[in-house]
């Protein structure tokens, strides 16, 4: 495990699950059984500050997460730095040597 992830910040990630709604449709949602506490290294990607009332502020951060985290998709939910975040793009798995393996997850702060 890399030094950044070992000493990194903590985040809570809700994995996804498939449920059947009242109409009989299969729906993918964030698992309500509870979040998983993980250590992450955070890299700011881009941000847009709201300067005029009515504009939206956009913050995107890339999280580097342990390679053993599975069942995280676009419908997962993340709590990081005391705020709720959505996953922007599908998580990308980077396979290197044992210490460098990780998932990269881009998240966007919820308005």
C-alpha atoms as a PDB file:
ATOM      1  CA  UNK A   1       0.000   0.000   0.000  1.00  0.00           C
ATOM      2  CA  UNK A   2       1.341   3.394  -0.914  1.00  0.00           C
ATOM      3  CA  UNK A   3       2.326   5.938   1.699  1.00  0.00           C
ATOM      4  CA  UNK A   4      -0.384   8.357   0.561  1.00  0.00           C
ATOM      5  CA  UNK A   5      -3.136   5.793   1.075  1.00  0.00           C
ATOM      6  CA  UNK A   6      -1.715   4.542   4.378  1.00  0.00           C
ATOM      7  CA  UNK A   7      -1.536   8.017   5.900  1.00  0.00           C
ATOM      8  CA  UNK A   8      -4.334   9.486   3.808  1.00  0.00           C
ATOM      9  CA  UNK A   9      -7.697  10.852   4.749  1.00  0.00           C
ATOM     10  CA  UNK A  10     -10.700   8.754   5.636  1.00  0.00           C
ATOM     11  CA  UNK A  11     -13.807   8.444   3.487  1.00  0.00           C
ATOM     12  CA  UNK A  12     -16.984   6.419   3.652  1.00  0.00           C
ATOM     13  CA  UNK A  13     -18.168   4.644   0.501  1.00  0.00           C
ATOM     14  CA  UNK A  14     -21.561   3.037  -0.026  1.00  0.00           C
ATOM     15  CA  UNK A  15     -21.335   0.085  -2.420  1.00  0.00           C
ATOM     16  CA  UNK A  16     -24.117  -0.640  -4.918  1.00  0.00           C
ATOM     17  CA  UNK A  17     -26.770  -3.286  -4.883  1.00  0.00           C
ATOM     18  CA  UNK A  18     -29.648  -4.277  -7.152  1.00  0.00           C
ATOM     19  CA  UNK A  19     -33.186  -4.166  -5.755  1.00  0.00           C
ATOM     20  CA  UNK A  20     -36.642  -4.682  -7.201  1.00  0.00           C
ATOM     21  CA  UNK A  21     -38.965  -1.679  -7.007  1.00  0.00           C
ATOM     22  CA  UNK A  22     -42.743  -1.795  -6.540  1.00  0.00           C
ATOM     23  CA  UNK A  23     -43.249  -2.136 -10.312  1.00  0.00           C
ATOM     24  CA  UNK A  24     -41.002  -5.194 -10.568  1.00  0.00           C
ATOM     25  CA  UNK A  25     -38.070  -3.377 -12.209  1.00  0.00           C
ATOM     26  CA  UNK A  26     -34.469  -4.129 -11.296  1.00  0.00           C
ATOM     27  CA  UNK A  27     -32.936  -0.896  -9.946  1.00  0.00           C
ATOM     28  CA  UNK A  28     -29.291  -0.236  -9.006  1.00  0.00           C
ATOM     29  CA  UNK A  29     -28.978   1.884  -5.836  1.00  0.00           C
ATOM     30  CA  UNK A  30     -26.437   2.685  -3.125  1.00  0.00           C
ATOM     31  CA  UNK A  31     -26.517  -0.120  -0.539  1.00  0.00           C
ATOM     32  CA  UNK A  32     -28.357   0.985   2.594  1.00  0.00           C
ATOM     33  CA  UNK A  33     -26.605  -1.607   4.802  1.00  0.00           C
ATOM     34  CA  UNK A  34     -23.999   0.968   5.694  1.00  0.00           C
ATOM     35  CA  UNK A  35     -20.874   2.612   4.407  1.00  0.00           C
ATOM     36  CA  UNK A  36     -17.406   1.117   4.283  1.00  0.00           C
ATOM     37  CA  UNK A  37     -14.688   3.175   5.965  1.00  0.00           C
ATOM     38  CA  UNK A  38     -11.601   3.436   3.727  1.00  0.00           C
ATOM     39  CA  UNK A  39      -8.329   5.394   3.605  1.00  0.00           C
ATOM     40  CA  UNK A  40      -7.873   7.478   0.470  1.00  0.00           C
ATOM     41  CA  UNK A  41      -5.381   9.779  -1.186  1.00  0.00           C
ATOM     42  CA  UNK A  42      -7.224  12.767  -2.657  1.00  0.00           C
ATOM     43  CA  UNK A  43      -6.098  14.678  -5.753  1.00  0.00           C
ATOM     44  CA  UNK A  44      -8.107  17.790  -6.755  1.00  0.00           C
ATOM     45  CA  UNK A  45      -9.025  17.609 -10.465  1.00  0.00           C
ATOM     46  CA  UNK A  46     -11.018  20.722 -11.322  1.00  0.00           C
ATOM     47  CA  UNK A  47     -13.357  23.240  -9.745  1.00  0.00           C
ATOM     48  CA  UNK A  48     -15.622  26.070 -10.798  1.00  0.00           C
ATOM     49  CA  UNK A  49     -16.515  28.670  -8.198  1.00  0.00           C
ATOM     50  CA  UNK A  50     -19.977  30.217  -8.196  1.00  0.00           C
ATOM     51  CA  UNK A  51     -19.506  33.986  -8.494  1.00  0.00           C
ATOM     52  CA  UNK A  52     -23.095  35.081  -9.033  1.00  0.00           C
ATOM     53  CA  UNK A  53     -26.144  33.927  -7.015  1.00  0.00           C
ATOM     54  CA  UNK A  54     -27.852  31.118  -8.883  1.00  0.00           C
ATOM     55  CA  UNK A  55     -24.679  29.643 -10.354  1.00  0.00           C
ATOM     56  CA  UNK A  56     -23.546  26.187  -9.324  1.00  0.00           C
ATOM     57  CA  UNK A  57     -20.207  25.428  -7.702  1.00  0.00           C
ATOM     58  CA  UNK A  58     -18.502  22.308  -9.064  1.00  0.00           C
ATOM     59  CA  UNK A  59     -15.668  20.506  -7.283  1.00  0.00           C
ATOM     60  CA  UNK A  60     -14.187  17.283  -8.690  1.00  0.00           C
ATOM     61  CA  UNK A  61     -11.656  15.216  -6.725  1.00  0.00           C
ATOM     62  CA  UNK A  62      -9.920  11.940  -7.654  1.00  0.00           C
ATOM     63  CA  UNK A  63      -9.694   9.392  -4.840  1.00  0.00           C
ATOM     64  CA  UNK A  64      -7.007   6.706  -4.860  1.00  0.00           C
ATOM     65  CA  UNK A  65      -8.457   3.711  -3.002  1.00  0.00           C
ATOM     66  CA  UNK A  66      -7.307   0.248  -1.885  1.00  0.00           C
ATOM     67  CA  UNK A  67      -7.449  -2.400  -4.659  1.00  0.00           C
ATOM     68  CA  UNK A  68      -9.703  -4.729  -2.627  1.00  0.00           C
ATOM     69  CA  UNK A  69     -12.695  -2.396  -2.820  1.00  0.00           C
ATOM     70  CA  UNK A  70     -15.288  -3.905  -5.149  1.00  0.00           C
ATOM     71  CA  UNK A  71     -18.943  -3.299  -6.065  1.00  0.00           C
ATOM     72  CA  UNK A  72     -18.373   0.447  -6.440  1.00  0.00           C
ATOM     73  CA  UNK A  73     -20.059   1.870  -9.535  1.00  0.00           C
ATOM     74  CA  UNK A  74     -21.551   5.138 -10.762  1.00  0.00           C
ATOM     75  CA  UNK A  75     -24.520   4.623  -8.429  1.00  0.00           C
ATOM     76  CA  UNK A  76     -22.382   4.444  -5.289  1.00  0.00           C
ATOM     77  CA  UNK A  77     -22.269   7.317  -2.830  1.00  0.00           C
ATOM     78  CA  UNK A  78     -19.206   8.803  -1.090  1.00  0.00           C
ATOM     79  CA  UNK A  79     -18.845  10.873   2.059  1.00  0.00           C
ATOM     80  CA  UNK A  80     -15.528  12.708   2.067  1.00  0.00           C
ATOM     81  CA  UNK A  81     -14.335  15.782   4.014  1.00  0.00           C
ATOM     82  CA  UNK A  82     -17.675  15.950   5.813  1.00  0.00           C
ATOM     83  CA  UNK A  83     -19.706  16.342   2.604  1.00  0.00           C
ATOM     84  CA  UNK A  84     -21.687  14.065   0.286  1.00  0.00           C
ATOM     85  CA  UNK A  85     -20.232  13.323  -3.168  1.00  0.00           C
ATOM     86  CA  UNK A  86     -21.412  11.499  -6.317  1.00  0.00           C
ATOM     87  CA  UNK A  87     -19.193   9.330  -8.495  1.00  0.00           C
ATOM     88  CA  UNK A  88     -18.611  11.056 -11.853  1.00  0.00           C
ATOM     89  CA  UNK A  89     -17.001   8.344 -13.982  1.00  0.00           C
ATOM     90  CA  UNK A  90     -16.701   4.572 -13.644  1.00  0.00           C
ATOM     91  CA  UNK A  91     -13.916   3.593 -11.225  1.00  0.00           C
ATOM     92  CA  UNK A  92     -10.663   2.709 -13.012  1.00  0.00           C
ATOM     93  CA  UNK A  93      -8.509  -0.183 -11.783  1.00  0.00           C
ATOM     94  CA  UNK A  94      -4.741   0.311 -12.068  1.00  0.00           C
ATOM     95  CA  UNK A  95      -2.818  -2.947 -11.844  1.00  0.00           C
ATOM     96  CA  UNK A  96       0.851  -2.529 -11.008  1.00  0.00           C
ATOM     97  CA  UNK A  97       3.068  -4.218  -8.473  1.00  0.00           C
ATOM     98  CA  UNK A  98       1.503  -5.129  -5.121  1.00  0.00           C
ATOM     99  CA  UNK A  99       2.159  -1.761  -3.476  1.00  0.00           C
ATOM    100  CA  UNK A 100       0.946   0.338  -6.393  1.00  0.00           C
ATOM    101  CA  UNK A 101      -2.382  -1.390  -7.217  1.00  0.00           C
ATOM    102  CA  UNK A 102      -5.387   0.854  -6.679  1.00  0.00           C
ATOM    103  CA  UNK A 103      -8.767   2.086  -7.851  1.00  0.00           C
ATOM    104  CA  UNK A 104      -9.123   5.674  -9.077  1.00  0.00           C
ATOM    105  CA  UNK A 105     -12.548   7.161  -8.397  1.00  0.00           C
ATOM    106  CA  UNK A 106     -13.537  10.656  -9.610  1.00  0.00           C
ATOM    107  CA  UNK A 107     -16.141  12.231  -7.360  1.00  0.00           C
ATOM    108  CA  UNK A 108     -18.148  15.476  -7.612  1.00  0.00           C
ATOM    109  CA  UNK A 109     -19.509  17.369  -4.619  1.00  0.00           C
ATOM    110  CA  UNK A 110     -23.295  17.342  -4.357  1.00  0.00           C
ATOM    111  CA  UNK A 111     -24.937  20.778  -4.645  1.00  0.00           C
END
